[in-house]
Structures are given as C-alpha cells and as structure tokens.
Amino acid sequence: QVQLVESGGGLVQAGGSLRLTCVASGSISTINVMGWYRQAPGKQSGLVASITSGGNTIYADSVKGRFTISRDNAKKTVYLQMTSLKPDDTAVYYCNTVPVLRQLWGQGTQVTVSS
C-alpha cells in the first residue's frame, strides 16, 4: 500500500515562494495522474494542480502562472513550486491521485502566507 508524505510548507510573506514535496513509499510510475490539493479553514478541499505520467499539467485558475507541478517517478516524488504567494493561498496542502484515493490522504503540509 502506497503512502504519501507531504513536506515543505511554512510561513512566508506575500510575494514569496515555497516548494512542496510529496514522497511516496512505493512506486508512482503506474499512477497516471497525481495532484496537489488544498484545504483552507472552513472551506472544502480543491484540486490545485495535476500532472499526468506523460507530464501534461492542469492548474486551477487561481494559481495559473504562479504554481508549477512536476514529478520524478524514479524518486517517487511530486513537487509543487509556488511563487508570488498570496494570503489566499493559505491552506493545508495535500497530494493524492486524481481522482483521489481516500486511503492515500496524508497529514498534509501547512502553508501560511502573511500580508
């Protein structure tokens, strides 16, 4: 059973950057689509970015041009490079498959953007 562990979050000022990392305990090479999700306090979680095994990416409108998702199957890792961060980006960020597999939810990583 694959487990996902997210890291890289933190407190950053608006306009700053962070790189999130999601490491899988097993191979992700057979997983077609991986994604980063986020959940802000009092809000439902939503898909922020996704990437196929072939490298095709899709982004939520709110992060287009600011976030970049990538994956390294050999390292069993998915990344989310976040730039020009805004206070509205404050949330707990999770990685999972697309669509999600409930058993893969990890602890997430907190991103807090101060104004």
C-alpha atoms as a PDB file:
ATOM      1  CA  GLN A   1       0.000   0.000   0.000  1.00  0.00           C
ATOM      2  CA  VAL A   2       1.478   3.338  -1.093  1.00  0.00           C
ATOM      3  CA  GLN A   3       1.650   6.100   1.481  1.00  0.00           C
ATOM      4  CA  LEU A   4       2.186   9.779   0.666  1.00  0.00           C
ATOM      5  CA  VAL A   5       4.126  12.208   2.849  1.00  0.00           C
ATOM      6  CA  GLU A   6       3.981  15.929   2.174  1.00  0.00           C
ATOM      7  CA  SER A   7       6.537  18.482   3.334  1.00  0.00           C
ATOM      8  CA  GLY A   8       7.903  21.908   2.535  1.00  0.00           C
ATOM      9  CA  GLY A   9       5.192  24.135   3.920  1.00  0.00           C
ATOM     10  CA  GLY A  10       5.798  27.071   6.191  1.00  0.00           C
ATOM     11  CA  LEU A  11       5.152  30.712   6.906  1.00  0.00           C
ATOM     12  CA  VAL A  12       6.011  33.116   4.116  1.00  0.00           C
ATOM     13  CA  GLN A  13       5.261  36.716   3.284  1.00  0.00           C
ATOM     14  CA  ALA A  14       3.072  37.611   0.357  1.00  0.00           C
ATOM     15  CA  GLY A  15       5.090  37.511  -2.833  1.00  0.00           C
ATOM     16  CA  GLY A  16       7.338  34.778  -1.508  1.00  0.00           C
ATOM     17  CA  SER A  17       7.942  31.251  -2.729  1.00  0.00           C
ATOM     18  CA  LEU A  18       7.809  27.719  -1.380  1.00  0.00           C
ATOM     19  CA  ARG A  19       8.404  24.294  -2.863  1.00  0.00           C
ATOM     20  CA  LEU A  20       6.253  21.457  -1.606  1.00  0.00           C
ATOM     21  CA  THR A  21       7.370  17.845  -1.847  1.00  0.00           C
ATOM     22  CA  CYS A  22       5.279  14.696  -1.811  1.00  0.00           C
ATOM     23  CA  VAL A  23       7.204  11.457  -1.377  1.00  0.00           C
ATOM     24  CA  ALA A  24       5.544   8.111  -1.962  1.00  0.00           C
ATOM     25  CA  SER A  25       6.507   4.989  -0.055  1.00  0.00           C
ATOM     26  CA  GLY A  26       6.012   2.963  -3.191  1.00  0.00           C
ATOM     27  CA  SER A  27       6.189   3.394  -6.911  1.00  0.00           C
ATOM     28  CA  ILE A  28       4.029   6.069  -8.532  1.00  0.00           C
ATOM     29  CA  SER A  29       5.087   5.246 -12.060  1.00  0.00           C
ATOM     30  CA  THR A  30       1.883   3.300 -12.654  1.00  0.00           C
ATOM     31  CA  ILE A  31      -0.284   6.132 -11.317  1.00  0.00           C
ATOM     32  CA  ASN A  32      -1.393   8.166 -14.319  1.00  0.00           C
ATOM     33  CA  VAL A  33      -2.465  11.408 -12.672  1.00  0.00           C
ATOM     34  CA  MET A  34      -1.088  12.887  -9.464  1.00  0.00           C
ATOM     35  CA  GLY A  35      -2.351  16.094  -7.986  1.00  0.00           C
ATOM     36  CA  TRP A  36      -1.922  18.669  -5.276  1.00  0.00           C
ATOM     37  CA  TYR A  37      -4.999  19.668  -3.301  1.00  0.00           C
ATOM     38  CA  ARG A  38      -5.508  22.301  -0.665  1.00  0.00           C
ATOM     39  CA  GLN A  39      -7.993  22.979   2.079  1.00  0.00           C
ATOM     40  CA  ALA A  40      -8.351  26.364   3.692  1.00  0.00           C
ATOM     41  CA  PRO A  41     -10.058  26.768   7.080  1.00  0.00           C
ATOM     42  CA  GLY A  42     -13.796  26.485   6.730  1.00  0.00           C
ATOM     43  CA  LYS A  43     -13.611  25.560   3.053  1.00  0.00           C
ATOM     44  CA  GLN A  44     -13.779  22.349   1.088  1.00  0.00           C
ATOM     45  CA  SER A  45     -10.618  20.946  -0.360  1.00  0.00           C
ATOM     46  CA  GLY A  46      -9.955  21.593  -4.011  1.00  0.00           C
ATOM     47  CA  LEU A  47      -7.562  20.446  -6.693  1.00  0.00           C
ATOM     48  CA  VAL A  48      -4.811  22.971  -7.274  1.00  0.00           C
ATOM     49  CA  ALA A  49      -2.726  21.255  -9.930  1.00  0.00           C
ATOM     50  CA  SER A  50      -2.401  17.876 -11.596  1.00  0.00           C
ATOM     51  CA  ILE A  51       0.158  16.101 -13.726  1.00  0.00           C
ATOM     52  CA  THR A  52      -0.111  13.003 -15.872  1.00  0.00           C
ATOM     53  CA  SER A  53       2.543  10.328 -16.203  1.00  0.00           C
ATOM     54  CA  GLY A  54       3.396  11.932 -19.520  1.00  0.00           C
ATOM     55  CA  GLY A  55       3.957  15.320 -17.951  1.00  0.00           C
ATOM     56  CA  ASN A  56       0.773  17.093 -19.025  1.00  0.00           C
ATOM     57  CA  THR A  57      -0.354  19.583 -16.416  1.00  0.00           C
ATOM     58  CA  ILE A  58      -3.569  21.346 -15.465  1.00  0.00           C
ATOM     59  CA  TYR A  59      -3.904  24.195 -12.989  1.00  0.00           C
ATOM     60  CA  ALA A  60      -6.730  25.849 -11.149  1.00  0.00           C
ATOM     61  CA  ASP A  61      -7.347  29.350 -12.486  1.00  0.00           C
ATOM     62  CA  SER A  62      -6.369  30.835  -9.139  1.00  0.00           C
ATOM     63  CA  VAL A  63      -2.794  29.524  -9.382  1.00  0.00           C
ATOM     64  CA  LYS A  64      -2.091  29.606 -13.115  1.00  0.00           C
ATOM     65  CA  GLY A  65       1.190  31.298 -13.872  1.00  0.00           C
ATOM     66  CA  ARG A  66       2.298  31.102 -10.233  1.00  0.00           C
ATOM     67  CA  PHE A  67       2.435  27.389  -9.389  1.00  0.00           C
ATOM     68  CA  THR A  68       4.277  24.616 -11.208  1.00  0.00           C
ATOM     69  CA  ILE A  69       3.686  20.915 -10.620  1.00  0.00           C
ATOM     70  CA  SER A  70       6.277  18.324 -11.558  1.00  0.00           C
ATOM     71  CA  ARG A  71       7.002  14.685 -10.839  1.00  0.00           C
ATOM     72  CA  ASP A  72      10.008  12.424 -10.719  1.00  0.00           C
ATOM     73  CA  ASN A  73       8.857   8.823 -10.930  1.00  0.00           C
ATOM     74  CA  ALA A  74      12.348   7.489 -10.237  1.00  0.00           C
ATOM     75  CA  LYS A  75      12.387   9.379  -6.939  1.00  0.00           C
ATOM     76  CA  LYS A  76       8.700   8.597  -6.288  1.00  0.00           C
ATOM     77  CA  THR A  77       8.162  12.302  -5.747  1.00  0.00           C
ATOM     78  CA  VAL A  78       5.743  15.006  -6.837  1.00  0.00           C
ATOM     79  CA  TYR A  79       6.616  18.671  -6.398  1.00  0.00           C
ATOM     80  CA  LEU A  80       4.665  21.896  -6.278  1.00  0.00           C
ATOM     81  CA  GLN A  81       6.703  25.052  -6.839  1.00  0.00           C
ATOM     82  CA  MET A  82       4.725  28.037  -5.602  1.00  0.00           C
ATOM     83  CA  THR A  83       5.715  31.605  -6.405  1.00  0.00           C
ATOM     84  CA  SER A  84       4.101  35.017  -5.945  1.00  0.00           C
ATOM     85  CA  LEU A  85       2.213  33.616  -2.987  1.00  0.00           C
ATOM     86  CA  LYS A  86      -0.886  35.411  -1.772  1.00  0.00           C
ATOM     87  CA  PRO A  87      -2.696  35.302   1.572  1.00  0.00           C
ATOM     88  CA  ASP A  88      -5.500  33.427  -0.215  1.00  0.00           C
ATOM     89  CA  ASP A  89      -3.058  30.570  -0.801  1.00  0.00           C
ATOM     90  CA  THR A  90      -3.038  29.867   2.930  1.00  0.00           C
ATOM     91  CA  ALA A  91      -4.198  26.281   3.395  1.00  0.00           C
ATOM     92  CA  VAL A  92      -3.116  22.769   4.191  1.00  0.00           C
ATOM     93  CA  TYR A  93      -1.745  21.202   1.025  1.00  0.00           C
ATOM     94  CA  TYR A  94      -2.071  17.510   0.233  1.00  0.00           C
ATOM     95  CA  CYS A  95      -1.036  15.304  -2.626  1.00  0.00           C
ATOM     96  CA  ASN A  96      -3.131  12.433  -3.897  1.00  0.00           C
ATOM     97  CA  THR A  97      -4.118  10.755  -7.097  1.00  0.00           C
ATOM     98  CA  VAL A  98      -6.686  12.230  -9.458  1.00  0.00           C
ATOM     99  CA  PRO A  99      -9.362  11.199  -8.737  1.00  0.00           C
ATOM    100  CA  VAL A 100      -8.476  10.778  -5.092  1.00  0.00           C
ATOM    101  CA  LEU A 101      -7.973   7.532  -3.304  1.00  0.00           C
ATOM    102  CA  ARG A 102      -9.244   8.088   0.212  1.00  0.00           C
ATOM    103  CA  GLN A 103      -6.666   5.768   1.723  1.00  0.00           C
ATOM    104  CA  LEU A 104      -3.836   7.883   0.348  1.00  0.00           C
ATOM    105  CA  TRP A 105      -4.585  11.083   2.234  1.00  0.00           C
ATOM    106  CA  GLY A 106      -1.535  12.060   4.255  1.00  0.00           C
ATOM    107  CA  GLN A 107      -1.095  14.608   7.002  1.00  0.00           C
ATOM    108  CA  GLY A 108      -0.605  17.465   4.558  1.00  0.00           C
ATOM    109  CA  THR A 109       1.695  20.434   4.928  1.00  0.00           C
ATOM    110  CA  GLN A 110       0.586  23.832   6.201  1.00  0.00           C
ATOM    111  CA  VAL A 111       1.235  26.878   4.046  1.00  0.00           C
ATOM    112  CA  THR A 112       0.617  30.250   5.645  1.00  0.00           C
ATOM    113  CA  VAL A 113       1.038  33.449   3.662  1.00  0.00           C
ATOM    114  CA  SER A 114       1.105  36.679   5.610  1.00  0.00           C
ATOM    115  CA  SER A 115       0.106  40.002   4.089  1.00  0.00           C
END
